[in-house]
Amino acid sequence: MKLTPEYASAQESMKPGKITAEGFLGDDDRNIVDIITADEEEFAHLNLDFSEVAKLLRQLLREGAKGLGNVVTFEKWEITVDEARGNIPCPFKDGMFSKRVSTIKNLNNSKQIMISDLSVHLLEKHHFLQGKGSIFRLEPSIIKAVLYE
């Protein structure tokens, strides 16, 4: 995969202060194509499928939303969904997403992830899990631990 004009534009939008104060890249100095490629390789190594992970995350977010800000226990997960006003655009310019932020904790191993609606979209449609050091970075090994262990 190469850094096409679409990816270059998205990467520019991901810098701190463009869409969000912190940006999407954290302290990762790789370009987004290299980040995506490495995460795709790690997903394959862990036998994770981007579509299946996104489907399960959406299910958990729907369950958590039933709690209206309170902790919801669903199967082996504890889910808290916090709503924030407004929307946030996808850096790839293919949608607007609620600023809802959720925490999903696996009760079997206490591993947890913090995720937004935009994070699920980026994972499923663009295979972009954000850069290392980003507050919404979805580390593949943590995704596996939270969702499947």
N, C-alpha and C. Protein backbone atom coordinates (compact mmCIF):
# COMPACT_ATOMS: atom_id res chain seq x y z
N MET A 1 0.86 -1.16 0.00
CA MET A 1 0.00 0.00 0.00
C MET A 1 0.91 1.23 0.00
N LYS A 2 0.48 2.26 -0.72
CA LYS A 2 1.29 3.46 -0.74
C LYS A 2 0.50 4.67 -0.26
N LEU A 3 1.20 5.71 0.06
CA LEU A 3 0.60 6.93 0.59
C LEU A 3 -0.03 7.71 -0.57
N THR A 4 -1.28 7.39 -0.86
CA THR A 4 -2.02 8.05 -1.94
C THR A 4 -2.42 9.46 -1.49
N PRO A 5 -2.90 10.29 -2.41
CA PRO A 5 -3.38 11.62 -2.00
C PRO A 5 -4.49 11.55 -0.94
N GLU A 6 -5.37 10.52 -1.02
CA GLU A 6 -6.43 10.37 -0.02
C GLU A 6 -5.82 10.12 1.37
N TYR A 7 -4.83 9.22 1.43
CA TYR A 7 -4.19 8.93 2.71
C TYR A 7 -3.39 10.15 3.21
N ALA A 8 -2.73 10.84 2.32
CA ALA A 8 -1.96 12.03 2.72
C ALA A 8 -2.88 13.10 3.29
N SER A 9 -4.04 13.29 2.66
CA SER A 9 -5.02 14.26 3.16
C SER A 9 -5.56 13.84 4.53
N ALA A 10 -5.87 12.55 4.66
CA ALA A 10 -6.36 12.05 5.96
C ALA A 10 -5.30 12.22 7.03
N GLN A 11 -4.05 11.90 6.70
CA GLN A 11 -2.97 12.04 7.68
C GLN A 11 -2.82 13.49 8.12
N GLU A 12 -2.94 14.42 7.20
CA GLU A 12 -2.87 15.85 7.55
C GLU A 12 -4.00 16.21 8.52
N SER A 13 -5.19 15.68 8.28
CA SER A 13 -6.34 15.95 9.15
C SER A 13 -6.17 15.32 10.54
N MET A 14 -5.30 14.31 10.64
CA MET A 14 -5.11 13.60 11.91
C MET A 14 -4.13 14.30 12.84
N LYS A 15 -3.47 15.33 12.37
CA LYS A 15 -2.50 16.03 13.20
C LYS A 15 -3.20 16.77 14.34
N PRO A 16 -2.51 16.96 15.45
CA PRO A 16 -3.10 17.69 16.58
C PRO A 16 -3.62 19.05 16.14
N GLY A 17 -4.82 19.39 16.64
CA GLY A 17 -5.41 20.69 16.37
C GLY A 17 -6.23 20.78 15.10
N LYS A 18 -6.23 19.73 14.28
CA LYS A 18 -7.01 19.77 13.03
C LYS A 18 -8.46 19.37 13.31
N ILE A 19 -8.69 18.14 13.69
CA ILE A 19 -10.04 17.67 14.03
C ILE A 19 -10.21 17.62 15.54
N THR A 20 -9.18 17.15 16.23
CA THR A 20 -9.19 17.10 17.69
C THR A 20 -7.92 17.76 18.21
N ALA A 21 -7.96 18.18 19.45
CA ALA A 21 -6.80 18.84 20.05
C ALA A 21 -5.59 17.90 20.07
N GLU A 22 -5.82 16.62 20.38
CA GLU A 22 -4.72 15.66 20.50
C GLU A 22 -4.33 15.01 19.18
N GLY A 23 -5.24 15.01 18.22
CA GLY A 23 -4.99 14.34 16.97
C GLY A 23 -5.18 12.83 17.09
N PHE A 24 -4.82 12.12 16.05
CA PHE A 24 -5.04 10.68 15.97
C PHE A 24 -3.74 9.88 15.95
N LEU A 25 -2.61 10.54 15.90
CA LEU A 25 -1.35 9.84 15.67
C LEU A 25 -0.52 9.62 16.92
N GLY A 26 -0.88 10.26 18.03
CA GLY A 26 -0.10 10.12 19.25
C GLY A 26 1.33 10.55 19.01
N ASP A 27 2.27 9.78 19.53
CA ASP A 27 3.69 10.09 19.33
C ASP A 27 4.31 9.19 18.26
N ASP A 28 3.46 8.60 17.43
CA ASP A 28 3.88 7.69 16.37
C ASP A 28 4.34 8.52 15.17
N ASP A 29 5.59 8.35 14.75
CA ASP A 29 6.11 9.15 13.64
C ASP A 29 6.00 8.43 12.29
N ARG A 30 5.37 7.25 12.27
CA ARG A 30 5.16 6.54 11.00
C ARG A 30 4.03 7.21 10.22
N ASN A 31 4.02 7.03 8.89
CA ASN A 31 2.88 7.53 8.14
C ASN A 31 1.72 6.54 8.31
N ILE A 32 0.51 6.99 7.99
CA ILE A 32 -0.65 6.16 8.30
C ILE A 32 -0.67 4.85 7.50
N VAL A 33 -0.10 4.83 6.33
CA VAL A 33 -0.03 3.60 5.56
C VAL A 33 0.81 2.56 6.30
N ASP A 34 1.92 2.98 6.88
CA ASP A 34 2.76 2.05 7.65
C ASP A 34 2.06 1.60 8.92
N ILE A 35 1.32 2.51 9.56
CA ILE A 35 0.56 2.15 10.77
C ILE A 35 -0.50 1.11 10.41
N ILE A 36 -1.25 1.37 9.35
CA ILE A 36 -2.31 0.46 8.91
C ILE A 36 -1.73 -0.90 8.54
N THR A 37 -0.65 -0.91 7.77
CA THR A 37 -0.03 -2.17 7.34
C THR A 37 0.42 -2.99 8.55
N ALA A 38 1.06 -2.36 9.51
CA ALA A 38 1.53 -3.07 10.71
C ALA A 38 0.34 -3.62 11.50
N ASP A 39 -0.73 -2.84 11.62
CA ASP A 39 -1.90 -3.31 12.37
C ASP A 39 -2.63 -4.42 11.63
N GLU A 40 -2.68 -4.37 10.31
CA GLU A 40 -3.27 -5.47 9.54
C GLU A 40 -2.48 -6.75 9.75
N GLU A 41 -1.16 -6.64 9.76
CA GLU A 41 -0.31 -7.82 10.00
C GLU A 41 -0.54 -8.37 11.40
N GLU A 42 -0.65 -7.49 12.37
CA GLU A 42 -0.88 -7.94 13.76
C GLU A 42 -2.26 -8.58 13.90
N PHE A 43 -3.28 -8.01 13.25
CA PHE A 43 -4.61 -8.62 13.26
C PHE A 43 -4.55 -10.03 12.69
N ALA A 44 -3.87 -10.19 11.57
CA ALA A 44 -3.75 -11.51 10.95
C ALA A 44 -3.03 -12.48 11.88
N HIS A 45 -1.95 -12.03 12.50
CA HIS A 45 -1.19 -12.87 13.44
C HIS A 45 -2.07 -13.32 14.62
N LEU A 46 -2.96 -12.43 15.07
CA LEU A 46 -3.82 -12.73 16.21
C LEU A 46 -5.13 -13.41 15.80
N ASN A 47 -5.27 -13.69 14.49
CA ASN A 47 -6.50 -14.28 13.95
C ASN A 47 -7.73 -13.42 14.23
N LEU A 48 -7.57 -12.12 14.10
CA LEU A 48 -8.68 -11.18 14.25
C LEU A 48 -9.14 -10.74 12.87
N ASP A 49 -10.42 -10.48 12.76
CA ASP A 49 -11.02 -10.00 11.52
C ASP A 49 -11.62 -8.62 11.79
N PHE A 50 -11.25 -7.64 10.99
CA PHE A 50 -11.70 -6.27 11.22
C PHE A 50 -13.22 -6.16 11.26
N SER A 51 -13.91 -6.81 10.32
CA SER A 51 -15.38 -6.72 10.28
C SER A 51 -16.02 -7.37 11.50
N GLU A 52 -15.51 -8.53 11.89
CA GLU A 52 -16.07 -9.23 13.05
C GLU A 52 -15.82 -8.45 14.35
N VAL A 53 -14.62 -7.88 14.48
CA VAL A 53 -14.32 -7.06 15.67
C VAL A 53 -15.27 -5.86 15.71
N ALA A 54 -15.45 -5.19 14.58
CA ALA A 54 -16.34 -4.02 14.53
C ALA A 54 -17.78 -4.42 14.88
N LYS A 55 -18.22 -5.55 14.37
CA LYS A 55 -19.59 -6.03 14.65
C LYS A 55 -19.78 -6.26 16.15
N LEU A 56 -18.81 -6.93 16.79
CA LEU A 56 -18.92 -7.18 18.23
C LEU A 56 -18.85 -5.88 19.02
N LEU A 57 -17.95 -4.98 18.63
CA LEU A 57 -17.86 -3.70 19.33
C LEU A 57 -19.18 -2.94 19.24
N ARG A 58 -19.79 -2.92 18.07
CA ARG A 58 -21.08 -2.22 17.92
C ARG A 58 -22.15 -2.84 18.81
N GLN A 59 -22.16 -4.16 18.90
CA GLN A 59 -23.11 -4.84 19.77
C GLN A 59 -22.89 -4.41 21.23
N LEU A 60 -21.63 -4.39 21.65
CA LEU A 60 -21.33 -4.00 23.03
C LEU A 60 -21.69 -2.55 23.28
N LEU A 61 -21.45 -1.68 22.30
CA LEU A 61 -21.81 -0.27 22.47
C LEU A 61 -23.32 -0.10 22.56
N ARG A 62 -24.08 -0.88 21.79
CA ARG A 62 -25.55 -0.82 21.89
C ARG A 62 -26.02 -1.27 23.28
N GLU A 63 -25.41 -2.34 23.78
CA GLU A 63 -25.77 -2.83 25.12
C GLU A 63 -25.43 -1.78 26.17
N GLY A 64 -24.25 -1.21 26.06
CA GLY A 64 -23.82 -0.20 27.02
C GLY A 64 -24.68 1.04 27.00
N ALA A 65 -25.17 1.42 25.83
CA ALA A 65 -26.00 2.62 25.71
C ALA A 65 -27.32 2.49 26.47
N LYS A 66 -27.73 1.27 26.75
CA LYS A 66 -28.96 1.05 27.52
C LYS A 66 -28.82 1.57 28.94
N GLY A 67 -27.59 1.75 29.40
CA GLY A 67 -27.36 2.20 30.77
C GLY A 67 -27.41 3.71 30.97
N LEU A 68 -27.49 4.47 29.88
CA LEU A 68 -27.57 5.93 29.97
C LEU A 68 -26.50 6.51 30.90
N GLY A 69 -25.26 6.11 30.70
CA GLY A 69 -24.15 6.64 31.50
C GLY A 69 -23.79 5.79 32.70
N ASN A 70 -24.62 4.82 33.02
CA ASN A 70 -24.34 3.91 34.13
C ASN A 70 -23.63 2.66 33.60
N VAL A 71 -22.97 1.96 34.48
CA VAL A 71 -22.29 0.73 34.10
C VAL A 71 -23.32 -0.34 33.76
N VAL A 72 -23.11 -1.02 32.65
CA VAL A 72 -23.96 -2.12 32.22
C VAL A 72 -23.09 -3.37 32.16
N THR A 73 -23.59 -4.46 32.72
CA THR A 73 -22.90 -5.74 32.60
C THR A 73 -23.63 -6.55 31.55
N PHE A 74 -22.88 -7.01 30.56
CA PHE A 74 -23.42 -7.83 29.48
C PHE A 74 -22.45 -8.97 29.25
N GLU A 75 -22.94 -10.19 29.48
CA GLU A 75 -22.11 -11.39 29.37
C GLU A 75 -20.83 -11.18 30.19
N LYS A 76 -19.65 -11.20 29.57
CA LYS A 76 -18.40 -11.11 30.33
C LYS A 76 -17.82 -9.70 30.35
N TRP A 77 -18.62 -8.69 29.94
CA TRP A 77 -18.12 -7.33 29.84
C TRP A 77 -18.87 -6.37 30.75
N GLU A 78 -18.15 -5.37 31.18
CA GLU A 78 -18.71 -4.22 31.89
C GLU A 78 -18.53 -3.03 30.95
N ILE A 79 -19.62 -2.35 30.62
CA ILE A 79 -19.59 -1.31 29.60
C ILE A 79 -20.14 -0.02 30.19
N THR A 80 -19.42 1.05 29.97
CA THR A 80 -19.88 2.38 30.36
C THR A 80 -19.83 3.26 29.12
N VAL A 81 -20.95 3.90 28.83
CA VAL A 81 -21.05 4.78 27.66
C VAL A 81 -21.30 6.19 28.16
N ASP A 82 -20.45 7.12 27.75
CA ASP A 82 -20.61 8.52 28.10
C ASP A 82 -20.89 9.32 26.83
N GLU A 83 -21.96 10.07 26.85
CA GLU A 83 -22.34 10.90 25.69
C GLU A 83 -21.70 12.27 25.83
N ALA A 84 -21.28 12.80 24.72
CA ALA A 84 -20.81 14.19 24.65
C ALA A 84 -21.58 14.85 23.52
N ARG A 85 -21.83 16.13 23.65
CA ARG A 85 -22.58 16.82 22.61
C ARG A 85 -21.75 16.99 21.34
N GLY A 86 -22.43 16.92 20.24
CA GLY A 86 -21.78 17.20 18.97
C GLY A 86 -21.31 15.96 18.24
N ASN A 87 -20.70 16.22 17.10
CA ASN A 87 -20.19 15.16 16.23
C ASN A 87 -18.75 15.45 15.87
N ILE A 88 -18.10 14.43 15.36
CA ILE A 88 -16.70 14.55 14.93
C ILE A 88 -16.59 13.93 13.54
N PRO A 89 -15.88 14.59 12.62
CA PRO A 89 -15.77 14.03 11.27
C PRO A 89 -14.68 12.97 11.18
N CYS A 90 -14.88 12.05 10.26
CA CYS A 90 -13.85 11.08 9.95
C CYS A 90 -12.74 11.79 9.18
N PRO A 91 -11.48 11.57 9.52
CA PRO A 91 -10.38 12.21 8.79
C PRO A 91 -10.29 11.78 7.33
N PHE A 92 -10.96 10.67 6.98
CA PHE A 92 -11.00 10.22 5.59
C PHE A 92 -12.17 10.85 4.84
N LYS A 93 -12.89 11.73 5.52
CA LYS A 93 -14.00 12.51 4.94
C LYS A 93 -15.14 11.62 4.45
N ASP A 94 -15.47 10.61 5.22
CA ASP A 94 -16.59 9.76 4.83
C ASP A 94 -17.61 9.57 5.95
N GLY A 95 -17.87 10.65 6.68
CA GLY A 95 -18.93 10.59 7.67
C GLY A 95 -18.67 11.44 8.90
N MET A 96 -19.76 11.64 9.65
CA MET A 96 -19.72 12.34 10.93
C MET A 96 -20.17 11.33 11.99
N PHE A 97 -19.56 11.43 13.16
CA PHE A 97 -19.82 10.44 14.19
C PHE A 97 -20.05 11.13 15.53
N SER A 98 -20.92 10.52 16.32
CA SER A 98 -21.20 11.00 17.67
C SER A 98 -19.91 11.03 18.48
N LYS A 99 -19.84 11.96 19.40
CA LYS A 99 -18.67 12.04 20.28
C LYS A 99 -18.81 11.10 21.48
N ARG A 100 -19.67 10.13 21.36
CA ARG A 100 -19.86 9.15 22.43
C ARG A 100 -18.57 8.39 22.68
N VAL A 101 -18.19 8.24 23.95
CA VAL A 101 -16.99 7.50 24.34
C VAL A 101 -17.40 6.39 25.30
N SER A 102 -16.90 5.21 25.06
CA SER A 102 -17.28 4.05 25.86
C SER A 102 -16.04 3.34 26.39
N THR A 103 -16.21 2.73 27.54
CA THR A 103 -15.17 1.88 28.10
C THR A 103 -15.75 0.48 28.19
N ILE A 104 -15.01 -0.48 27.66
CA ILE A 104 -15.41 -1.88 27.69
C ILE A 104 -14.35 -2.64 28.47
N LYS A 105 -14.80 -3.28 29.53
CA LYS A 105 -13.88 -4.03 30.40
C LYS A 105 -14.27 -5.50 30.39
N ASN A 106 -13.30 -6.37 30.19
CA ASN A 106 -13.49 -7.81 30.26
C ASN A 106 -13.41 -8.20 31.73
N LEU A 107 -14.48 -8.75 32.26
CA LEU A 107 -14.52 -9.09 33.68
C LEU A 107 -13.67 -10.32 34.02
N ASN A 108 -13.30 -11.10 33.02
CA ASN A 108 -12.46 -12.28 33.26
C ASN A 108 -11.00 -11.94 33.49
N ASN A 109 -10.52 -10.87 32.84
CA ASN A 109 -9.10 -10.56 32.93
C ASN A 109 -8.81 -9.09 33.28
N SER A 110 -9.85 -8.29 33.47
CA SER A 110 -9.75 -6.87 33.83
C SER A 110 -9.11 -6.00 32.75
N LYS A 111 -8.91 -6.53 31.54
CA LYS A 111 -8.39 -5.72 30.44
C LYS A 111 -9.53 -4.85 29.92
N GLN A 112 -9.18 -3.63 29.50
CA GLN A 112 -10.22 -2.74 29.01
C GLN A 112 -9.73 -1.86 27.87
N ILE A 113 -10.69 -1.37 27.09
CA ILE A 113 -10.40 -0.42 26.03
C ILE A 113 -11.36 0.75 26.14
N MET A 114 -10.90 1.89 25.69
CA MET A 114 -11.73 3.07 25.56
C MET A 114 -11.94 3.28 24.07
N ILE A 115 -13.19 3.44 23.67
CA ILE A 115 -13.49 3.46 22.24
C ILE A 115 -14.58 4.48 21.95
N SER A 116 -14.53 5.04 20.76
CA SER A 116 -15.56 5.97 20.30
C SER A 116 -16.24 5.38 19.08
N ASP A 117 -17.36 5.97 18.69
CA ASP A 117 -18.04 5.53 17.47
C ASP A 117 -17.11 5.71 16.27
N LEU A 118 -16.36 6.80 16.26
CA LEU A 118 -15.41 7.04 15.18
C LEU A 118 -14.32 5.97 15.17
N SER A 119 -13.86 5.55 16.34
CA SER A 119 -12.83 4.50 16.41
C SER A 119 -13.31 3.21 15.75
N VAL A 120 -14.58 2.85 15.97
CA VAL A 120 -15.11 1.63 15.36
C VAL A 120 -15.15 1.79 13.84
N HIS A 121 -15.58 2.95 13.37
CA HIS A 121 -15.60 3.22 11.93
C HIS A 121 -14.20 3.13 11.33
N LEU A 122 -13.24 3.79 11.98
CA LEU A 122 -11.86 3.77 11.47
C LEU A 122 -11.30 2.35 11.42
N LEU A 123 -11.62 1.56 12.43
CA LEU A 123 -11.17 0.17 12.47
C LEU A 123 -11.78 -0.61 11.31
N GLU A 124 -13.10 -0.52 11.15
CA GLU A 124 -13.78 -1.35 10.16
C GLU A 124 -13.52 -0.91 8.72
N LYS A 125 -13.67 0.36 8.45
CA LYS A 125 -13.61 0.84 7.06
C LYS A 125 -12.19 1.14 6.57
N HIS A 126 -11.31 1.54 7.48
CA HIS A 126 -9.98 1.97 7.07
C HIS A 126 -8.84 1.15 7.68
N HIS A 127 -9.19 0.22 8.57
CA HIS A 127 -8.18 -0.59 9.28
C HIS A 127 -7.18 0.30 10.02
N PHE A 128 -7.65 1.46 10.44
CA PHE A 128 -6.80 2.42 11.14
C PHE A 128 -7.14 2.41 12.62
N LEU A 129 -6.18 1.99 13.43
CA LEU A 129 -6.38 1.86 14.88
C LEU A 129 -5.78 3.02 15.66
N GLN A 130 -5.32 4.02 14.94
CA GLN A 130 -4.66 5.22 15.45
C GLN A 130 -3.20 4.92 15.80
N GLY A 131 -2.44 5.98 15.92
CA GLY A 131 -1.01 5.85 16.15
C GLY A 131 -0.68 5.49 17.59
N LYS A 132 0.49 4.92 17.79
CA LYS A 132 0.96 4.60 19.14
C LYS A 132 0.99 5.89 19.96
N GLY A 133 0.47 5.81 21.17
CA GLY A 133 0.44 6.97 22.04
C GLY A 133 -0.82 7.80 21.95
N SER A 134 -1.68 7.51 20.96
CA SER A 134 -2.96 8.21 20.86
C SER A 134 -3.88 7.72 21.97
N ILE A 135 -4.68 8.62 22.55
CA ILE A 135 -5.54 8.21 23.66
C ILE A 135 -6.61 7.21 23.22
N PHE A 136 -6.96 7.19 21.94
CA PHE A 136 -7.94 6.23 21.45
C PHE A 136 -7.31 5.10 20.64
N ARG A 137 -6.00 4.91 20.76
CA ARG A 137 -5.31 3.82 20.07
C ARG A 137 -5.94 2.49 20.48
N LEU A 138 -6.28 1.66 19.51
CA LEU A 138 -6.80 0.33 19.76
C LEU A 138 -5.70 -0.68 19.45
N GLU A 139 -5.00 -1.07 20.47
CA GLU A 139 -3.89 -2.00 20.32
C GLU A 139 -4.46 -3.39 20.02
N PRO A 140 -4.03 -4.03 18.92
CA PRO A 140 -4.60 -5.33 18.56
C PRO A 140 -4.58 -6.37 19.68
N SER A 141 -3.49 -6.48 20.41
CA SER A 141 -3.42 -7.49 21.48
C SER A 141 -4.42 -7.18 22.60
N ILE A 142 -4.66 -5.92 22.86
CA ILE A 142 -5.65 -5.53 23.89
C ILE A 142 -7.06 -5.79 23.38
N ILE A 143 -7.32 -5.50 22.10
CA ILE A 143 -8.62 -5.82 21.51
C ILE A 143 -8.91 -7.32 21.70
N LYS A 144 -7.94 -8.15 21.38
CA LYS A 144 -8.13 -9.59 21.52
C LYS A 144 -8.40 -9.97 22.98
N ALA A 145 -7.62 -9.41 23.89
CA ALA A 145 -7.79 -9.72 25.31
C ALA A 145 -9.17 -9.29 25.82
N VAL A 146 -9.60 -8.12 25.42
CA VAL A 146 -10.89 -7.60 25.90
C VAL A 146 -12.06 -8.36 25.28
N LEU A 147 -11.99 -8.63 23.99
CA LEU A 147 -13.14 -9.21 23.32
C LEU A 147 -13.20 -10.73 23.34
N TYR A 148 -12.05 -11.39 23.33
CA TYR A 148 -12.07 -12.82 23.06
C TYR A 148 -11.44 -13.71 24.13
N GLU A 149 -10.93 -13.15 25.20
CA GLU A 149 -10.33 -14.00 26.24
C GLU A 149 -11.23 -14.12 27.44
